[in-house]
Amino acid sequence: GNFSGTPGAPVGVHLHFSIVRDDGEGHFLDE
């Protein structure tokens, strides 16, 4: 899709994919 986080202000249609580190206590960090 192309949702930017702000309705009505789209980005180009794409997938953003990332590999996120764990905080060592079973939670993901801020991507």
PDB file of all heavy atoms in Angstrom:
ATOM      1  N   GLY A   1       0.828  -1.200   0.000  1.00  0.00           N
ATOM      2  CA  GLY A   1       0.000   0.000   0.000  1.00  0.00           C
ATOM      3  C   GLY A   1       0.854   1.238   0.000  1.00  0.00           C
ATOM      4  O   GLY A   1       2.067   1.183  -0.269  1.00  0.00           O
ATOM      5  N   ASN A   2       0.224   2.375   0.311  1.00  0.00           N
ATOM      6  CA  ASN A   2       0.945   3.645   0.282  1.00  0.00           C
ATOM      7  C   ASN A   2       0.529   4.583   1.418  1.00  0.00           C
ATOM      8  O   ASN A   2       0.615   5.800   1.297  1.00  0.00           O
ATOM      9  CB  ASN A   2       0.772   4.340  -1.075  1.00  0.00           C
ATOM     10  CG  ASN A   2      -0.688   4.538  -1.467  1.00  0.00           C
ATOM     11  OD1 ASN A   2      -1.600   4.049  -0.808  1.00  0.00           O
ATOM     12  ND2 ASN A   2      -0.907   5.253  -2.563  1.00  0.00           N
ATOM     13  N   PHE A   3       0.098   3.994   2.530  1.00  0.00           N
ATOM     14  CA  PHE A   3      -0.281   4.796   3.694  1.00  0.00           C
ATOM     15  C   PHE A   3       0.968   5.342   4.371  1.00  0.00           C
ATOM     16  O   PHE A   3       1.885   4.594   4.713  1.00  0.00           O
ATOM     17  CB  PHE A   3      -1.086   3.948   4.670  1.00  0.00           C
ATOM     18  CG  PHE A   3      -1.587   4.690   5.871  1.00  0.00           C
ATOM     19  CD1 PHE A   3      -2.347   5.844   5.732  1.00  0.00           C
ATOM     20  CD2 PHE A   3      -1.331   4.220   7.150  1.00  0.00           C
ATOM     21  CE1 PHE A   3      -2.830   6.524   6.846  1.00  0.00           C
ATOM     22  CE2 PHE A   3      -1.810   4.879   8.271  1.00  0.00           C
ATOM     23  CZ  PHE A   3      -2.562   6.040   8.111  1.00  0.00           C
ATOM     24  N   SER A   4       1.015   6.648   4.571  1.00  0.00           N
ATOM     25  CA  SER A   4       2.186   7.298   5.156  1.00  0.00           C
ATOM     26  C   SER A   4       2.102   7.430   6.675  1.00  0.00           C
ATOM     27  O   SER A   4       3.080   7.808   7.317  1.00  0.00           O
ATOM     28  CB  SER A   4       2.351   8.703   4.562  1.00  0.00           C
ATOM     29  OG  SER A   4       1.276   9.544   4.980  1.00  0.00           O
ATOM     30  N   GLY A   5       0.942   7.148   7.223  1.00  0.00           N
ATOM     31  CA  GLY A   5       0.686   7.429   8.632  1.00  0.00           C
ATOM     32  C   GLY A   5      -0.215   8.628   8.801  1.00  0.00           C
ATOM     33  O   GLY A   5      -0.807   8.835   9.859  1.00  0.00           O
ATOM     34  N   THR A   6      -0.330   9.443   7.738  1.00  0.00           N
ATOM     35  CA  THR A   6      -1.223  10.603   7.714  1.00  0.00           C
ATOM     36  C   THR A   6      -2.250  10.402   6.616  1.00  0.00           C
ATOM     37  O   THR A   6      -1.881  10.372   5.432  1.00  0.00           O
ATOM     38  CB  THR A   6      -0.441  11.902   7.456  1.00  0.00           C
ATOM     39  OG1 THR A   6       0.548  12.074   8.470  1.00  0.00           O
ATOM     40  CG2 THR A   6      -1.382  13.099   7.437  1.00  0.00           C
ATOM     41  N   PRO A   7      -3.531  10.222   6.936  1.00  0.00           N
ATOM     42  CA  PRO A   7      -4.549   9.992   5.906  1.00  0.00           C
ATOM     43  C   PRO A   7      -4.539  11.091   4.850  1.00  0.00           C
ATOM     44  O   PRO A   7      -4.462  12.278   5.161  1.00  0.00           O
ATOM     45  CB  PRO A   7      -5.858   9.986   6.704  1.00  0.00           C
ATOM     46  CG  PRO A   7      -5.458   9.529   8.073  1.00  0.00           C
ATOM     47  CD  PRO A   7      -4.110  10.138   8.298  1.00  0.00           C
ATOM     48  N   GLY A   8      -4.601  10.672   3.580  1.00  0.00           N
ATOM     49  CA  GLY A   8      -4.659  11.618   2.481  1.00  0.00           C
ATOM     50  C   GLY A   8      -3.324  12.159   2.031  1.00  0.00           C
ATOM     51  O   GLY A   8      -3.270  13.018   1.148  1.00  0.00           O
ATOM     52  N   ALA A   9      -2.220  11.673   2.607  1.00  0.00           N
ATOM     53  CA  ALA A   9      -0.872  12.113   2.207  1.00  0.00           C
ATOM     54  C   ALA A   9      -0.031  10.886   1.874  1.00  0.00           C
ATOM     55  O   ALA A   9       0.880  10.525   2.610  1.00  0.00           O
ATOM     56  CB  ALA A   9      -0.215  12.927   3.310  1.00  0.00           C
ATOM     57  N   PRO A  10      -0.362  10.191   0.772  1.00  0.00           N
ATOM     58  CA  PRO A  10       0.269   8.896   0.487  1.00  0.00           C
ATOM     59  C   PRO A  10       1.727   9.004   0.057  1.00  0.00           C
ATOM     60  O   PRO A  10       2.188  10.038  -0.411  1.00  0.00           O
ATOM     61  CB  PRO A  10      -0.582   8.348  -0.661  1.00  0.00           C
ATOM     62  CG  PRO A  10      -1.089   9.581  -1.361  1.00  0.00           C
ATOM     63  CD  PRO A  10      -1.345  10.568  -0.259  1.00  0.00           C
ATOM     64  N   VAL A  11       2.413   7.888   0.235  1.00  0.00           N
ATOM     65  CA  VAL A  11       3.758   7.713  -0.320  1.00  0.00           C
ATOM     66  C   VAL A  11       3.624   6.825  -1.551  1.00  0.00           C
ATOM     67  O   VAL A  11       2.519   6.431  -1.919  1.00  0.00           O
ATOM     68  CB  VAL A  11       4.690   7.061   0.724  1.00  0.00           C
ATOM     69  CG1 VAL A  11       4.913   7.990   1.894  1.00  0.00           C
ATOM     70  CG2 VAL A  11       4.126   5.725   1.210  1.00  0.00           C
ATOM     71  N   GLY A  12       4.737   6.509  -2.212  1.00  0.00           N
ATOM     72  CA  GLY A  12       4.682   5.578  -3.326  1.00  0.00           C
ATOM     73  C   GLY A  12       4.306   4.184  -2.822  1.00  0.00           C
ATOM     74  O   GLY A  12       4.640   3.808  -1.696  1.00  0.00           O
ATOM     75  N   VAL A  13       3.592   3.430  -3.642  1.00  0.00           N
ATOM     76  CA  VAL A  13       3.157   2.088  -3.248  1.00  0.00           C
ATOM     77  C   VAL A  13       4.389   1.186  -3.099  1.00  0.00           C
ATOM     78  O   VAL A  13       5.138   0.977  -4.051  1.00  0.00           O
ATOM     79  CB  VAL A  13       2.191   1.483  -4.283  1.00  0.00           C
ATOM     80  CG1 VAL A  13       1.824   0.052  -3.903  1.00  0.00           C
ATOM     81  CG2 VAL A  13       0.938   2.342  -4.393  1.00  0.00           C
ATOM     82  N   HIS A  14       4.581   0.661  -1.879  1.00  0.00           N
ATOM     83  CA  HIS A  14       5.732  -0.207  -1.643  1.00  0.00           C
ATOM     84  C   HIS A  14       5.584  -0.948  -0.330  1.00  0.00           C
ATOM     85  O   HIS A  14       4.689  -0.655   0.470  1.00  0.00           O
ATOM     86  CB  HIS A  14       7.041   0.592  -1.637  1.00  0.00           C
ATOM     87  CG  HIS A  14       7.237   1.489  -0.454  1.00  0.00           C
ATOM     88  ND1 HIS A  14       6.516   2.659  -0.257  1.00  0.00           N
ATOM     89  CD2 HIS A  14       8.083   1.400   0.611  1.00  0.00           C
ATOM     90  CE1 HIS A  14       6.915   3.256   0.853  1.00  0.00           C
ATOM     91  NE2 HIS A  14       7.858   2.500   1.416  1.00  0.00           N
ATOM     92  N   LEU A  15       6.466  -1.900  -0.113  1.00  0.00           N
ATOM     93  CA  LEU A  15       6.631  -2.552   1.179  1.00  0.00           C
ATOM     94  C   LEU A  15       7.910  -2.029   1.805  1.00  0.00           C
ATOM     95  O   LEU A  15       8.968  -2.036   1.165  1.00  0.00           O
ATOM     96  CB  LEU A  15       6.749  -4.069   1.010  1.00  0.00           C
ATOM     97  CG  LEU A  15       7.222  -4.827   2.275  1.00  0.00           C
ATOM     98  CD1 LEU A  15       6.144  -4.805   3.348  1.00  0.00           C
ATOM     99  CD2 LEU A  15       7.643  -6.248   1.939  1.00  0.00           C
ATOM    100  N   HIS A  16       7.821  -1.586   3.060  1.00  0.00           N
ATOM    101  CA  HIS A  16       9.024  -1.312   3.840  1.00  0.00           C
ATOM    102  C   HIS A  16       9.257  -2.528   4.725  1.00  0.00           C
ATOM    103  O   HIS A  16       8.389  -2.926   5.503  1.00  0.00           O
ATOM    104  CB  HIS A  16       8.865  -0.058   4.696  1.00  0.00           C
ATOM    105  CG  HIS A  16      10.030   0.172   5.615  1.00  0.00           C
ATOM    106  ND1 HIS A  16      11.166   0.847   5.223  1.00  0.00           N
ATOM    107  CD2 HIS A  16      10.246  -0.212   6.897  1.00  0.00           C
ATOM    108  CE1 HIS A  16      12.029   0.879   6.228  1.00  0.00           C
ATOM    109  NE2 HIS A  16      11.490   0.231   7.262  1.00  0.00           N
ATOM    110  N   PHE A  17      10.457  -3.103   4.597  1.00  0.00           N
ATOM    111  CA  PHE A  17      10.825  -4.313   5.336  1.00  0.00           C
ATOM    112  C   PHE A  17      12.119  -4.056   6.084  1.00  0.00           C
ATOM    113  O   PHE A  17      13.065  -3.489   5.528  1.00  0.00           O
ATOM    114  CB  PHE A  17      11.030  -5.476   4.353  1.00  0.00           C
ATOM    115  CG  PHE A  17      11.573  -6.727   4.986  1.00  0.00           C
ATOM    116  CD1 PHE A  17      10.721  -7.713   5.444  1.00  0.00           C
ATOM    117  CD2 PHE A  17      12.947  -6.919   5.115  1.00  0.00           C
ATOM    118  CE1 PHE A  17      11.227  -8.878   6.036  1.00  0.00           C
ATOM    119  CE2 PHE A  17      13.459  -8.072   5.702  1.00  0.00           C
ATOM    120  CZ  PHE A  17      12.594  -9.053   6.157  1.00  0.00           C
ATOM    121  N   SER A  18      12.168  -4.471   7.350  1.00  0.00           N
ATOM    122  CA  SER A  18      13.417  -4.341   8.091  1.00  0.00           C
ATOM    123  C   SER A  18      13.577  -5.504   9.064  1.00  0.00           C
ATOM    124  O   SER A  18      12.610  -6.193   9.408  1.00  0.00           O
ATOM    125  CB  SER A  18      13.485  -3.003   8.835  1.00  0.00           C
ATOM    126  OG  SER A  18      12.408  -2.881   9.737  1.00  0.00           O
ATOM    127  N   ILE A  19      14.814  -5.708   9.482  1.00  0.00           N
ATOM    128  CA  ILE A  19      15.158  -6.742  10.460  1.00  0.00           C
ATOM    129  C   ILE A  19      15.498  -6.022  11.751  1.00  0.00           C
ATOM    130  O   ILE A  19      16.450  -5.233  11.800  1.00  0.00           O
ATOM    131  CB  ILE A  19      16.328  -7.603   9.976  1.00  0.00           C
ATOM    132  CG1 ILE A  19      16.012  -8.221   8.612  1.00  0.00           C
ATOM    133  CG2 ILE A  19      16.644  -8.695  11.004  1.00  0.00           C
ATOM    134  CD1 ILE A  19      17.209  -8.882   7.945  1.00  0.00           C
ATOM    135  N   VAL A  20      14.718  -6.267  12.793  1.00  0.00           N
ATOM    136  CA  VAL A  20      14.787  -5.488  14.023  1.00  0.00           C
ATOM    137  C   VAL A  20      15.433  -6.309  15.151  1.00  0.00           C
ATOM    138  O   VAL A  20      15.150  -7.500  15.308  1.00  0.00           O
ATOM    139  CB  VAL A  20      13.374  -5.027  14.445  1.00  0.00           C
ATOM    140  CG1 VAL A  20      13.432  -4.110  15.659  1.00  0.00           C
ATOM    141  CG2 VAL A  20      12.672  -4.326  13.280  1.00  0.00           C
ATOM    142  N   ARG A  21      16.270  -5.651  15.910  1.00  0.00           N
ATOM    143  CA  ARG A  21      16.929  -6.293  17.048  1.00  0.00           C
ATOM    144  C   ARG A  21      15.945  -6.492  18.207  1.00  0.00           C
ATOM    145  O   ARG A  21      14.994  -5.724  18.376  1.00  0.00           O
ATOM    146  CB  ARG A  21      18.107  -5.440  17.540  1.00  0.00           C
ATOM    147  CG  ARG A  21      19.237  -5.283  16.541  1.00  0.00           C
ATOM    148  CD  ARG A  21      20.306  -4.368  17.116  1.00  0.00           C
ATOM    149  NE  ARG A  21      21.389  -4.106  16.187  1.00  0.00           N
ATOM    150  CZ  ARG A  21      22.484  -4.863  16.082  1.00  0.00           C
ATOM    151  NH1 ARG A  21      22.624  -5.927  16.853  1.00  0.00           N
ATOM    152  NH2 ARG A  21      23.433  -4.555  15.222  1.00  0.00           N
ATOM    153  N   ASP A  22      16.229  -7.486  19.010  1.00  0.00           N
ATOM    154  CA  ASP A  22      15.497  -7.739  20.249  1.00  0.00           C
ATOM    155  C   ASP A  22      16.184  -6.973  21.385  1.00  0.00           C
ATOM    156  O   ASP A  22      17.402  -6.764  21.355  1.00  0.00           O
ATOM    157  CB  ASP A  22      15.505  -9.240  20.533  1.00  0.00           C
ATOM    158  CG  ASP A  22      14.581  -9.630  21.673  1.00  0.00           C
ATOM    159  OD1 ASP A  22      13.401  -9.869  21.395  1.00  0.00           O
ATOM    160  OD2 ASP A  22      15.050  -9.692  22.822  1.00  0.00           O
ATOM    161  N   ASP A  23      15.411  -6.568  22.391  1.00  0.00           N
ATOM    162  CA  ASP A  23      16.005  -5.815  23.507  1.00  0.00           C
ATOM    163  C   ASP A  23      16.657  -6.709  24.557  1.00  0.00           C
ATOM    164  O   ASP A  23      17.156  -6.234  25.574  1.00  0.00           O
ATOM    165  CB  ASP A  23      14.960  -4.911  24.173  1.00  0.00           C
ATOM    166  CG  ASP A  23      13.867  -5.691  24.903  1.00  0.00           C
ATOM    167  OD1 ASP A  23      13.850  -6.944  24.843  1.00  0.00           O
ATOM    168  OD2 ASP A  23      13.019  -5.038  25.544  1.00  0.00           O
ATOM    169  N   GLY A  24      16.666  -8.017  24.300  1.00  0.00           N
ATOM    170  CA  GLY A  24      17.248  -8.953  25.244  1.00  0.00           C
ATOM    171  C   GLY A  24      16.262  -9.473  26.272  1.00  0.00           C
ATOM    172  O   GLY A  24      16.571 -10.377  27.046  1.00  0.00           O
ATOM    173  N   GLU A  25      15.048  -8.887  26.254  1.00  0.00           N
ATOM    174  CA  GLU A  25      14.012  -9.310  27.194  1.00  0.00           C
ATOM    175  C   GLU A  25      12.743  -9.752  26.466  1.00  0.00           C
ATOM    176  O   GLU A  25      11.650  -9.781  27.035  1.00  0.00           O
ATOM    177  CB  GLU A  25      13.699  -8.173  28.168  1.00  0.00           C
ATOM    178  CG  GLU A  25      14.898  -7.783  29.033  1.00  0.00           C
ATOM    179  CD  GLU A  25      14.568  -6.688  30.030  1.00  0.00           C
ATOM    180  OE1 GLU A  25      13.421  -6.186  29.995  1.00  0.00           O
ATOM    181  OE2 GLU A  25      15.446  -6.341  30.835  1.00  0.00           O
ATOM    182  N   GLY A  26      12.903 -10.052  25.181  1.00  0.00           N
ATOM    183  CA  GLY A  26      11.782 -10.577  24.413  1.00  0.00           C
ATOM    184  C   GLY A  26      10.920  -9.546  23.726  1.00  0.00           C
ATOM    185  O   GLY A  26       9.818  -9.869  23.274  1.00  0.00           O
ATOM    186  N   HIS A  27      11.411  -8.295  23.603  1.00  0.00           N
ATOM    187  CA  HIS A  27      10.646  -7.237  22.957  1.00  0.00           C
ATOM    188  C   HIS A  27      11.449  -6.652  21.791  1.00  0.00           C
ATOM    189  O   HIS A  27      12.684  -6.609  21.841  1.00  0.00           O
ATOM    190  CB  HIS A  27      10.316  -6.116  23.947  1.00  0.00           C
ATOM    191  CG  HIS A  27       9.679  -6.603  25.199  1.00  0.00           C
ATOM    192  ND1 HIS A  27      10.359  -6.700  26.392  1.00  0.00           N
ATOM    193  CD2 HIS A  27       8.416  -7.039  25.449  1.00  0.00           C
ATOM    194  CE1 HIS A  27       9.552  -7.164  27.330  1.00  0.00           C
ATOM    195  NE2 HIS A  27       8.368  -7.387  26.782  1.00  0.00           N
ATOM    196  N   PHE A  28      10.741  -6.179  20.763  1.00  0.00           N
ATOM    197  CA  PHE A  28      11.435  -5.547  19.637  1.00  0.00           C
ATOM    198  C   PHE A  28      11.761  -4.095  19.970  1.00  0.00           C
ATOM    199  O   PHE A  28      11.037  -3.422  20.702  1.00  0.00           O
ATOM    200  CB  PHE A  28      10.605  -5.633  18.350  1.00  0.00           C
ATOM    201  CG  PHE A  28       9.206  -5.086  18.449  1.00  0.00           C
ATOM    202  CD1 PHE A  28       8.941  -3.741  18.233  1.00  0.00           C
ATOM    203  CD2 PHE A  28       8.134  -5.932  18.740  1.00  0.00           C
ATOM    204  CE1 PHE A  28       7.660  -3.235  18.317  1.00  0.00           C
ATOM    205  CE2 PHE A  28       6.832  -5.438  18.825  1.00  0.00           C
ATOM    206  CZ  PHE A  28       6.596  -4.096  18.610  1.00  0.00           C
ATOM    207  N   LEU A  29      12.874  -3.630  19.415  1.00  0.00           N
ATOM    208  CA  LEU A  29      13.293  -2.244  19.593  1.00  0.00           C
ATOM    209  C   LEU A  29      12.599  -1.348  18.570  1.00  0.00           C
ATOM    210  O   LEU A  29      11.918  -1.832  17.658  1.00  0.00           O
ATOM    211  CB  LEU A  29      14.818  -2.142  19.467  1.00  0.00           C
ATOM    212  CG  LEU A  29      15.612  -2.857  20.566  1.00  0.00           C
ATOM    213  CD1 LEU A  29      17.101  -2.849  20.236  1.00  0.00           C
ATOM    214  CD2 LEU A  29      15.367  -2.203  21.928  1.00  0.00           C
ATOM    215  N   ASP A  30      12.787  -0.046  18.702  1.00  0.00           N
ATOM    216  CA  ASP A  30      12.161   0.936  17.801  1.00  0.00           C
ATOM    217  C   ASP A  30      12.787   0.840  16.414  1.00  0.00           C
ATOM    218  O   ASP A  30      13.955   1.190  16.216  1.00  0.00           O
ATOM    219  CB  ASP A  30      12.354   2.341  18.375  1.00  0.00           C
ATOM    220  CG  ASP A  30      11.595   3.401  17.596  1.00  0.00           C
ATOM    221  OD1 ASP A  30      11.146   3.126  16.463  1.00  0.00           O
ATOM    222  OD2 ASP A  30      11.453   4.531  18.113  1.00  0.00           O
ATOM    223  N   GLU A  31      12.006   0.390  15.453  1.00  0.00           N
ATOM    224  CA  GLU A  31      12.493   0.160  14.096  1.00  0.00           C
ATOM    225  C   GLU A  31      12.918   1.425  13.388  1.00  0.00           C
ATOM    226  O   GLU A  31      13.699   1.384  12.436  1.00  0.00           O
ATOM    227  CB  GLU A  31      11.388  -0.570  13.300  1.00  0.00           C
ATOM    228  CG  GLU A  31      11.737  -0.967  11.894  1.00  0.00           C
ATOM    229  CD  GLU A  31      11.487   0.129  10.859  1.00  0.00           C
ATOM    230  OE1 GLU A  31      10.742   1.087  11.180  1.00  0.00           O
ATOM    231  OE2 GLU A  31      12.017   0.025   9.735  1.00  0.00           O
TER     232      GLU A  31
END
